Protein backbone atom coordinates (compact mmCIF):
# COMPACT_ATOMS: atom_id res chain seq x y z
CA MET A 1 -7.97 9.16 14.15
CA LYS A 2 -8.38 6.99 17.14
CA TYR A 3 -11.19 4.34 17.40
CA ASN A 4 -13.56 4.81 20.42
CA ALA A 5 -13.44 2.18 23.11
CA LEU A 6 -16.92 3.27 24.29
CA ILE A 7 -18.40 2.46 20.92
CA ILE A 8 -16.83 -0.96 20.59
CA ILE A 9 -17.70 -1.88 24.17
CA ALA A 10 -21.53 -0.87 23.14
CA PHE A 11 -21.66 -2.66 20.24
CA LEU A 12 -19.98 -5.69 21.99
CA VAL A 13 -22.91 -5.82 24.72
CA SER A 14 -25.48 -5.50 21.85
CA SER A 15 -24.11 -8.31 19.80
CA TYR A 16 -23.50 -10.18 22.83
CA HIS A 17 -27.28 -10.23 23.85
CA SER A 18 -28.41 -11.02 20.06
CA ILE A 19 -26.15 -13.85 20.18
CA GLN A 20 -27.62 -14.99 23.35
CA ALA A 21 -31.07 -15.24 22.21
CA GLN A 22 -30.14 -18.48 20.31
CA SER A 23 -28.87 -21.58 20.91
CA THR A 24 -25.01 -21.11 21.68
CA ASP A 25 -23.64 -24.15 19.87
CA ASP A 26 -25.83 -23.36 16.84
CA LYS A 27 -25.16 -19.71 17.02
CA VAL A 28 -21.33 -20.46 17.34
CA LYS A 29 -21.24 -22.66 14.38
CA GLN A 30 -23.59 -20.31 12.41
CA LEU A 31 -20.90 -17.35 12.95
CA THR A 32 -18.01 -19.19 12.29
CA LYS A 33 -18.77 -21.19 9.25
CA GLY A 34 -17.20 -20.34 6.17
CA ILE A 35 -13.41 -20.33 4.82
CA THR A 36 -11.88 -20.07 8.69
CA SER A 37 -12.94 -20.14 12.00
CA PHE A 38 -12.15 -17.65 14.83
CA SER A 39 -9.75 -18.99 17.75
CA GLY A 40 -10.34 -18.68 20.97
CA GLY A 41 -10.72 -21.40 23.97
CA THR A 42 -14.76 -20.61 24.51
CA ASP A 43 -17.90 -19.88 23.05
CA GLU A 44 -17.80 -16.25 24.62
CA GLU A 45 -14.30 -15.64 23.34
CA ILE A 46 -15.44 -16.45 20.28
CA LYS A 47 -18.39 -14.70 20.13
CA ARG A 48 -16.47 -11.55 21.61
CA ASN A 49 -13.75 -11.92 18.24
CA ILE A 50 -16.96 -11.82 15.89
CA GLY A 51 -18.34 -8.86 17.21
CA VAL A 52 -14.97 -7.00 17.12
CA GLU A 53 -14.22 -7.95 13.97
CA LYS A 54 -17.70 -6.81 12.65
CA HIS A 55 -17.48 -3.61 14.73
CA TYR A 56 -13.85 -2.64 12.63
CA LEU A 57 -15.23 -3.82 9.36
CA GLU A 58 -18.35 -1.75 9.92
CA LEU A 59 -16.36 1.34 11.03
CA ALA A 60 -13.96 0.90 8.08
CA LYS A 61 -16.81 1.18 5.47
CA GLN A 62 -18.35 4.04 7.13
CA ASN A 63 -15.18 5.64 6.96
CA ILE A 64 -14.66 4.97 3.28
CA GLU A 65 -17.59 6.83 2.42
CA LYS A 66 -16.53 9.71 4.81
CA TYR A 67 -12.80 10.19 3.52
CA ARG A 68 -12.05 8.55 0.10
CA LYS A 69 -15.15 10.56 -1.28
CA GLY A 70 -15.62 14.35 -1.81
CA ASN A 71 -18.82 16.34 -2.94
CA ALA A 72 -18.51 17.82 -6.90
CA THR A 73 -20.47 20.16 -8.77
CA VAL A 74 -20.68 19.95 -12.60
CA LEU A 75 -22.13 23.72 -14.07
CA ILE A 76 -23.23 24.09 -17.46
CA THR A 77 -23.52 27.27 -19.20
CA ASP A 78 -23.99 28.41 -23.15
CA ASP A 79 -22.12 30.25 -25.04
CA LYS A 80 -23.42 33.45 -23.63
CA GLY A 81 -22.90 32.30 -19.61
CA LYS A 82 -26.35 31.32 -18.87
CA PRO A 83 -27.32 28.22 -17.12
CA VAL A 84 -28.41 25.35 -19.16
CA LYS A 85 -30.90 23.07 -17.78
CA ASN A 86 -32.35 19.88 -18.36
CA LEU A 87 -29.02 18.46 -19.84
CA LYS A 88 -28.29 14.80 -19.92
CA ILE A 89 -25.42 14.22 -17.98
CA GLU A 90 -23.51 10.85 -17.17
CA LEU A 91 -20.08 10.58 -14.97
CA ASN A 92 -17.72 7.63 -14.81
CA GLN A 93 -14.59 7.30 -12.73
CA THR A 94 -11.72 6.50 -15.26
CA THR A 95 -8.55 6.64 -12.32
CA GLN A 96 -8.29 6.38 -8.82
CA ASP A 97 -6.17 8.69 -6.58
CA PHE A 98 -5.33 6.11 -4.03
CA LEU A 99 -2.49 3.81 -5.06
CA PHE A 100 -3.39 0.32 -5.19
CA GLY A 101 -0.24 -1.57 -6.45
CA ASN A 102 1.70 -4.74 -6.89
CA LEU A 103 5.11 -5.85 -8.74
CA SER A 104 5.67 -5.82 -11.99
CA GLU A 105 8.84 -5.41 -13.22
CA GLU A 106 8.89 -9.33 -14.44
CA VAL A 107 6.78 -8.37 -17.03
CA ILE A 108 9.82 -7.40 -18.90
CA ASN A 109 11.34 -10.77 -19.31
CA LEU A 110 8.38 -12.62 -19.96
CA LEU A 111 7.51 -14.16 -23.54
CA PRO A 112 5.13 -12.06 -25.48
CA GLU A 113 1.92 -14.19 -24.86
CA GLU A 114 2.69 -14.61 -21.25
CA ALA A 115 3.88 -10.62 -21.04
CA ILE A 116 0.01 -9.55 -22.64
CA LYS A 117 -1.72 -11.94 -20.01
CA PHE A 118 0.30 -10.15 -17.33
CA GLU A 119 -0.19 -6.60 -18.53
CA GLU A 120 -3.60 -7.35 -18.87
CA ARG A 121 -4.40 -8.43 -15.40
CA PHE A 122 -2.01 -6.04 -13.79
CA VAL A 123 -3.65 -2.87 -15.29
CA ALA A 124 -7.14 -3.98 -14.85
CA LEU A 125 -6.30 -4.01 -11.02
CA PHE A 126 -3.58 -1.91 -10.25
CA ASN A 127 -2.08 1.78 -10.72
CA PHE A 128 0.87 1.58 -8.63
CA THR A 129 4.08 -0.52 -8.58
CA GLU A 130 7.47 -0.74 -6.96
CA LEU A 131 10.73 -1.13 -8.77
CA THR A 132 13.83 -2.67 -7.44
CA VAL A 133 16.71 -0.38 -7.23
CA LYS A 134 18.56 -2.39 -4.33
CA TRP A 135 22.15 -1.65 -4.78
CA GLU A 136 23.54 -5.11 -5.71
CA PRO A 137 21.42 -6.11 -8.26
CA TYR A 138 21.45 -2.46 -9.78
CA GLU A 139 25.19 -2.17 -9.78
CA PRO A 140 26.65 -5.23 -9.68
CA LYS A 141 29.61 -4.22 -11.00
CA GLN A 142 31.22 -1.16 -9.45
CA GLY A 143 30.58 2.09 -11.63
CA LYS A 144 28.16 0.24 -14.06
CA PRO A 145 24.63 0.97 -12.73
CA GLU A 146 22.13 -0.77 -14.91
CA TRP A 147 19.98 2.00 -15.33
CA GLN A 148 18.78 1.01 -18.91
CA LYS A 149 17.06 -1.98 -17.39
CA LEU A 150 15.20 0.78 -14.79
CA GLN A 151 14.50 3.01 -17.92
CA GLU A 152 12.65 -0.04 -19.58
CA LYS A 153 10.42 -0.63 -16.67
CA LEU A 154 9.40 2.92 -16.17
CA ASP A 155 8.53 3.03 -19.95
CA TRP A 156 6.27 0.07 -19.31
CA CYS A 157 4.87 2.44 -16.31
CA LEU A 158 4.34 5.44 -18.53
CA LYS A 159 2.56 3.44 -21.31
CA ASN A 160 0.28 1.92 -18.68
CA ASN A 161 -0.43 4.81 -16.64
CA ILE A 162 1.24 3.09 -13.52
CA THR A 163 2.78 5.20 -10.68
CA PRO A 164 6.19 3.97 -9.96
CA LYS A 165 7.99 3.99 -6.68
CA GLY A 166 12.11 3.19 -6.19
CA HIS A 167 12.74 0.54 -3.69
CA THR A 168 14.87 0.94 -1.82
CA LEU A 169 18.03 3.55 -1.60
CA GLY A 170 19.74 2.64 1.55
CA TRP A 171 19.22 -1.30 3.17
CA THR A 172 22.15 -2.96 4.98
CA HIS A 173 20.81 -6.58 3.95
CA ARG A 174 23.38 -8.08 1.45
CA ALA A 175 21.15 -7.05 -1.35
CA GLY A 176 21.93 -3.40 -0.05
CA THR A 177 25.70 -3.74 0.11
CA PRO A 178 27.43 -5.12 -2.95
CA ASP A 179 30.40 -7.41 -2.61
CA TRP A 180 32.57 -4.67 -4.31
CA LEU A 181 31.62 -1.89 -1.70
CA LEU A 182 32.65 -4.06 1.08
CA LYS A 183 36.10 -3.87 -0.37
CA LEU A 184 36.44 -0.22 -0.09
CA PRO A 185 37.40 2.29 2.46
CA LEU A 186 34.33 3.69 4.96
CA GLU A 187 34.88 6.94 3.81
CA MET A 188 35.07 6.06 0.02
CA ALA A 189 32.01 3.72 0.56
CA ASN A 190 29.99 6.68 2.44
CA GLU A 191 31.01 9.13 -0.87
CA LEU A 192 29.35 6.69 -3.34
CA TYR A 193 26.44 5.94 -1.04
CA LYS A 194 25.68 9.61 -1.34
CA ALA A 195 26.05 9.83 -5.01
CA ARG A 196 23.95 6.76 -5.49
CA ILE A 197 21.49 8.79 -3.72
CA HIS A 198 21.95 11.70 -5.76
CA ASN A 199 22.04 9.88 -9.06
CA LEU A 200 18.88 7.66 -8.67
CA VAL A 201 16.77 10.51 -7.18
CA GLY A 202 17.95 13.46 -9.17
CA GLY A 203 18.35 11.64 -12.21
CA PHE A 204 15.10 10.16 -12.07
CA LYS A 205 12.98 12.80 -10.56
CA ASN A 206 10.48 13.58 -13.45
CA GLN A 207 9.93 9.87 -13.46
CA ILE A 208 9.86 8.63 -10.08
CA LYS A 209 8.88 10.87 -6.99
CA ILE A 210 8.18 8.06 -4.13
CA TRP A 211 11.25 6.41 -2.94
CA ASP A 212 11.65 3.80 0.10
CA VAL A 213 14.69 5.57 1.09
CA VAL A 214 15.89 3.32 4.10
CA ASN A 215 14.66 -0.12 4.54
CA GLU A 216 14.06 -2.07 7.39
CA PRO A 217 16.13 0.41 9.94
CA VAL A 218 15.28 -1.17 13.50
CA ASN A 219 15.71 -4.79 12.10
CA THR A 220 18.84 -4.43 10.55
CA ILE A 221 22.48 -3.18 11.69
CA PRO A 222 23.34 0.07 11.14
CA TRP A 223 25.22 1.16 7.91
CA GLU A 224 28.62 1.12 9.63
CA SER A 225 28.36 -2.16 11.13
CA ALA A 226 27.49 -3.66 7.81
CA LEU A 227 30.29 -2.19 5.76
CA LYS A 228 32.84 -3.84 8.34
CA ASP A 229 31.65 -7.18 6.59
CA THR A 230 34.19 -8.82 3.95
CA ILE A 231 33.31 -11.80 1.65
CA TYR A 232 37.04 -12.73 1.99
CA ALA A 233 36.94 -12.51 6.13
CA GLU A 234 36.91 -16.16 8.31
CA ALA A 235 34.26 -14.19 10.41
CA LYS A 236 31.80 -12.98 7.26
CA ILE A 237 28.58 -11.13 8.47
CA ASP A 238 25.68 -13.31 7.04
CA ASP A 239 22.09 -12.28 6.86
CA GLY A 240 21.35 -14.03 10.27
CA VAL A 241 23.71 -11.44 11.66
CA ARG A 242 22.87 -8.33 9.76
CA TYR A 243 19.23 -9.32 11.49
CA ASN A 244 20.60 -9.31 15.02
CA THR A 245 19.97 -6.04 16.57
CA GLU A 246 19.92 -6.56 20.09
CA ASN A 247 22.39 -4.51 21.33
CA ILE A 248 22.00 -2.02 18.63
CA THR A 249 21.06 1.61 20.12
CA LEU A 250 18.86 4.34 18.77
CA GLU A 251 21.78 6.80 18.65
CA GLU A 252 23.54 4.07 16.22
CA THR A 253 21.15 3.70 14.16
CA LEU A 254 19.98 7.61 13.41
CA PRO A 255 23.08 8.80 11.68
CA TRP A 256 22.89 7.12 8.49
CA ILE A 257 19.40 7.30 8.14
CA GLU A 258 19.59 11.27 8.63
CA LYS A 259 22.04 11.41 5.79
CA SER A 260 20.00 9.13 3.55
CA PHE A 261 17.04 11.39 3.61
CA GLU A 262 18.77 14.59 3.65
CA TRP A 263 20.73 13.45 0.48
CA ALA A 264 17.49 12.40 -1.19
CA ALA A 265 15.91 15.76 -0.20
CA GLU A 266 18.91 17.34 -1.73
CA ALA A 267 18.50 15.62 -5.21
CA ASN A 268 14.87 16.41 -5.29
CA LYS A 269 13.13 18.99 -2.83
CA ASN A 270 9.96 17.83 -3.98
CA GLY A 271 10.09 13.83 -3.55
CA ASP A 272 7.94 11.60 -1.43
CA PHE A 273 10.57 9.88 0.91
CA ILE A 274 9.52 6.73 2.74
CA LEU A 275 11.01 4.97 5.84
CA ASN A 276 10.18 1.06 5.51
CA GLU A 277 9.89 -1.40 8.26
CA PHE A 278 8.72 -4.96 9.20
CA TYR A 279 6.94 -6.86 12.34
CA LEU A 280 5.11 -3.39 13.12
CA ILE A 281 1.75 -4.98 13.19
CA ALA A 282 3.00 -8.46 15.19
CA LYS A 283 5.63 -7.42 17.58
CA PRO A 284 4.60 -4.12 19.75
CA ASP A 285 8.38 -3.99 20.77
CA ILE A 286 9.54 -3.26 17.14
CA ARG A 287 6.72 -0.93 16.85
CA GLU A 288 7.94 1.09 19.75
CA LYS A 289 11.34 0.96 18.60
CA PHE A 290 10.05 2.38 15.12
CA TYR A 291 8.06 4.83 16.54
CA LEU A 292 10.98 6.33 19.12
CA LEU A 293 13.08 6.11 15.63
CA LEU A 294 10.55 8.24 13.67
CA LYS A 295 10.01 10.66 16.91
CA GLU A 296 13.91 11.43 16.81
CA LEU A 297 13.83 11.94 13.09
CA LYS A 298 10.86 14.53 13.14
CA ASN A 299 12.49 16.26 16.13
CA LYS A 300 15.36 16.73 13.99
CA ASN A 301 13.58 17.81 10.95
CA ILE A 302 14.61 15.16 8.93
CA PRO A 303 12.45 14.96 5.58
CA VAL A 304 10.65 11.83 6.05
CA THR A 305 7.33 12.11 4.31
CA GLY A 306 6.22 8.85 4.70
CA ILE A 307 5.82 5.61 6.88
CA GLY A 308 6.26 2.42 5.04
CA ILE A 309 4.35 -0.80 6.98
CA GLN A 310 4.95 -4.09 5.71
CA ALA A 311 2.55 -6.48 6.15
CA HIS A 312 4.05 -9.89 5.59
CA GLU A 313 5.76 -10.80 8.96
CA PRO A 314 5.18 -13.38 10.40
CA ARG A 315 4.35 -14.91 7.10
CA GLU A 316 1.49 -17.31 8.06
CA MET A 317 -0.20 -14.44 10.36
CA TRP A 318 -3.93 -13.65 9.97
CA PHE A 319 -3.52 -10.15 11.74
CA SER A 320 -6.37 -9.11 14.22
CA PRO A 321 -8.39 -5.87 13.26
CA ILE A 322 -7.33 -4.87 16.82
CA ASP A 323 -3.75 -5.17 16.22
CA LEU A 324 -3.89 -3.69 12.85
CA ILE A 325 -5.73 -0.69 13.81
CA LYS A 326 -3.67 -0.18 17.01
CA THR A 327 -0.50 0.01 14.46
CA TYR A 328 -2.32 2.70 12.35
CA ASP A 329 -3.11 4.65 15.28
CA ARG A 330 0.70 4.68 16.62
CA MET A 331 2.22 5.50 13.29
CA ASN A 332 -0.43 7.75 12.72
CA GLU A 333 0.55 10.24 15.43
CA PHE A 334 3.21 11.58 13.27
CA GLY A 335 0.65 13.28 10.92
CA LEU A 336 2.26 11.59 7.89
CA PRO A 337 0.85 9.41 5.01
CA LEU A 338 0.99 5.70 5.70
CA HIS A 339 1.93 3.02 3.11
CA ILE A 340 1.55 -0.81 2.94
CA THR A 341 4.16 -1.61 1.46
CA GLU A 342 4.53 -5.60 1.09
CA PHE A 343 1.26 -7.40 1.74
CA ILE A 344 1.18 -10.90 0.57
CA PRO A 345 -1.05 -13.33 2.33
CA GLN A 346 -0.62 -16.87 0.78
CA SER A 347 -2.64 -20.09 -0.86
CA SER A 348 0.27 -22.61 0.38
CA GLY A 349 -1.62 -24.92 2.24
CA LYS A 350 0.28 -23.97 5.42
CA THR A 351 -1.21 -23.17 9.10
CA ILE A 352 -2.90 -19.95 9.80
CA THR A 353 -1.06 -18.40 12.74
CA GLY A 354 -1.53 -15.31 14.52
CA GLY A 355 -4.51 -16.64 17.62
CA TRP A 356 -7.32 -14.59 15.77
CA ARG A 357 -8.51 -17.01 12.95
CA GLU A 358 -7.40 -20.71 12.65
CA GLY A 359 -7.23 -23.08 9.67
CA THR A 360 -5.37 -23.48 6.39
CA TRP A 361 -3.90 -20.74 4.09
CA THR A 362 -6.29 -21.89 1.12
CA GLU A 363 -7.06 -20.00 -1.98
CA ASN A 364 -10.44 -19.01 -0.35
CA ALA A 365 -8.79 -18.41 2.84
CA GLN A 366 -6.26 -15.86 1.25
CA ALA A 367 -9.60 -14.01 -0.51
CA GLU A 368 -11.13 -13.76 2.57
CA PHE A 369 -8.09 -12.42 4.45
CA ALA A 370 -7.21 -10.03 1.57
CA GLU A 371 -10.79 -8.43 1.56
CA GLN A 372 -10.97 -8.04 5.46
CA PHE A 373 -7.18 -6.48 5.24
CA TYR A 374 -8.19 -4.04 2.28
CA THR A 375 -11.26 -3.20 3.52
CA LEU A 376 -9.84 -2.18 7.28
CA THR A 377 -6.71 -0.24 5.46
CA PHE A 378 -8.42 1.53 2.93
CA GLY A 379 -11.14 2.69 5.42
CA TYR A 380 -8.16 4.25 7.63
CA PRO A 381 -8.09 7.87 6.54
CA SER A 382 -4.37 8.50 6.61
CA ILE A 383 -3.04 5.21 4.33
CA ALA A 384 -2.03 6.18 0.99
CA SER A 385 -1.27 3.13 -0.61
CA ILE A 386 -1.55 -0.73 -0.71
CA HIS A 387 0.93 -2.57 -2.41
CA TRP A 388 1.01 -6.17 -2.77
CA TRP A 389 4.08 -8.30 -3.12
CA GLY A 390 4.00 -10.01 -6.42
CA LEU A 391 1.20 -10.99 -9.29
CA SER A 392 1.55 -14.38 -10.28
CA ASP A 393 2.54 -17.98 -8.60
CA LYS A 394 4.83 -18.32 -11.51
CA ASN A 395 7.06 -16.08 -9.97
CA ILE A 396 6.48 -15.45 -6.18
CA TRP A 397 8.54 -14.86 -2.98
CA LEU A 398 6.19 -16.93 -0.56
CA LYS A 399 4.61 -19.89 -2.24
CA GLY A 400 1.02 -19.47 -3.38
CA GLY A 401 1.30 -15.67 -2.55
CA GLY A 402 0.11 -14.48 -6.14
CA LEU A 403 -3.24 -12.95 -7.36
CA LEU A 404 -2.96 -15.40 -10.35
CA ASP A 405 -2.04 -18.98 -10.73
CA LYS A 406 1.18 -19.87 -12.67
CA GLU A 407 -0.78 -19.87 -15.80
CA TYR A 408 -1.84 -15.86 -15.34
CA ASN A 409 -5.27 -16.80 -14.43
CA PRO A 410 -7.10 -15.13 -11.68
CA LYS A 411 -7.03 -16.89 -8.16
CA PRO A 412 -10.20 -16.03 -5.86
CA VAL A 413 -8.44 -13.31 -4.35
CA TYR A 414 -7.92 -11.46 -7.71
CA ASN A 415 -11.57 -11.49 -8.46
CA ARG A 416 -12.33 -10.21 -4.83
CA LEU A 417 -10.06 -7.18 -5.22
CA LEU A 418 -11.00 -6.73 -8.47
CA LYS A 419 -14.79 -6.32 -7.29
CA LEU A 420 -13.88 -4.25 -4.18
CA ILE A 421 -11.29 -1.86 -5.91
CA LYS A 422 -12.65 -1.40 -9.57
CA GLU A 423 -16.72 -1.68 -8.42
CA ASP A 424 -17.25 -0.99 -4.69
CA TRP A 425 -14.51 1.71 -4.64
CA MET A 426 -15.18 3.56 -7.79
CA THR A 427 -17.79 6.02 -8.80
CA LYS A 428 -19.61 4.91 -11.98
CA ASN A 429 -22.68 5.25 -14.21
CA LEU A 430 -24.25 8.28 -12.34
CA LYS A 431 -27.03 9.87 -14.57
CA MET A 432 -28.55 12.76 -13.93
CA LYS A 433 -29.98 16.29 -15.41
CA SER A 434 -28.66 19.61 -15.00
CA ASN A 435 -31.33 21.61 -12.72
CA HIS A 436 -32.51 25.36 -13.26
CA LYS A 437 -29.33 26.73 -12.35
CA GLY A 438 -27.55 24.29 -14.84
CA GLU A 439 -26.02 22.22 -12.06
CA VAL A 440 -25.41 18.40 -11.19
CA SER A 441 -24.15 17.78 -7.89
CA PHE A 442 -22.58 14.40 -7.01
CA ARG A 443 -20.12 12.55 -4.38
CA GLY A 444 -17.71 10.40 -5.79
CA PHE A 445 -14.32 8.52 -4.96
CA TYR A 446 -11.51 10.63 -5.53
CA GLY A 447 -9.87 10.53 -9.26
CA ASP A 448 -10.31 11.25 -12.48
CA TYR A 449 -14.21 11.49 -14.36
CA GLU A 450 -15.10 11.38 -17.86
CA VAL A 451 -18.54 13.88 -17.76
CA GLU A 452 -20.74 13.29 -20.75
CA ILE A 453 -23.18 15.47 -21.64
CA GLU A 454 -25.94 15.79 -24.23
CA ASP A 455 -27.99 18.76 -25.11
CA GLU A 456 -31.67 18.63 -26.39
CA SER A 457 -30.43 18.23 -29.91
CA GLY A 458 -28.81 14.93 -29.10
CA ASN A 459 -25.27 16.44 -29.57
CA VAL A 460 -22.78 14.98 -27.32
CA TYR A 461 -19.86 16.78 -25.23
CA ARG A 462 -17.36 14.84 -23.29
CA LYS A 463 -15.06 16.52 -20.73
CA ASN A 464 -12.82 15.59 -18.25
CA VAL A 465 -12.44 16.56 -14.52
CA HIS A 466 -10.35 15.28 -11.44
CA LEU A 467 -12.36 15.30 -8.38
CA LYS A 468 -9.54 15.84 -5.85
CA GLU A 469 -9.18 15.59 -1.93
CA GLY A 470 -8.97 18.93 -0.29
CA SER A 471 -10.26 21.09 -3.67
CA GLU A 472 -13.47 22.86 -4.01
CA ASN A 473 -14.47 20.76 -7.17
CA ILE A 474 -16.57 23.08 -8.96
CA PHE A 475 -16.36 22.59 -12.85
CA THR A 476 -17.81 24.80 -15.08
CA PHE A 477 -18.35 23.89 -18.75
CA ASN A 478 -19.58 26.56 -21.56
CA LEU A 479 -21.17 24.63 -24.78
């Protein structure tokens, strides 16, 4: 999907003339009043940015209505198969097909009272979580993978109806190459890597379908280069060098990524396998390098089934709608689902960067940006998931990046997203009566619904249906 430049121009012209009708200083102050202000050297540039942002948000809301909902019909018949009219019918959505996620595995190690709070806040908002299987923490000692800890986290997911994703099978960061691996011959290390993928993807295929197979492939050095590291050598490769890919070619990067995905598909032919990368939004050169990598993988029929877009670098940047949609458009050319894998705007008090908005990363700025980002992203049809990178400020990667404070109380951003995700983007309290054909028709967000049917005698029947994208969505019930 591409955004029509002519529509943008027409909108901006309209916005410009409406703004011109008032005092320039007063109007700019009115439009920029709030949590943050728009960047720009002149009033004209600020007004232009205001118009662009408003346009993208309005278009996203139209797309949400068009692409995130579907039409459905409920048909009620009696025991003889005849339509029953004038029945009271109420529909309420109970789950969402779209994956809204956050990190959750810390809940396993919390004190009981903290775990209760954490779980309550998490389940109220999210249906998706990433579980770490990075090689170093998953198997700190060779031959002793800590699969029991992973199973404990999966049991928690099952109990709370949370969809899990494994992160990550392959990564040339030190966390992806445990120290003991670096002592082994290359051929043996490769065989162990293959076995690791088979064991995880195959062993957990009934519990984990979605995997980040390779993480940060264009921003980190290739597999064989990383394995040349040794914790005992004087010229040890540290993480800084592992992110130095200036002279790395596509041909050097491709082989280990191809094998990683092929081995994953061998272990579970029905798996969902994602290639994940950062800096795609902020740095066009990284975006293009990643695009070329994906193009080669597609040309070779490598089983990449999803594209992961990290959205936290640079860490203080407020992404412009233009750069965001430009990134989605470029990645969308492959026709694969897009996943926002790591999103964590902060409330750290640091200065907002990026040149689109300016101000300070306060709790209110965090909430404002999150609402804008989620709206733009949920409004892009091929996005399949949005995953935040930490629930509480008590245990967080970036200071102030949580949705809850250190006592697990909601920050403004939590409440803002709760309204968006669980109120605005769910279909609830639809009350209708069946017509002469015994039917009610409605349009709702994709997910599970409870259908409550009350007959003329006051008898109540409850049924469950799943409104699914791409399906006919006609549900027949016999009373």
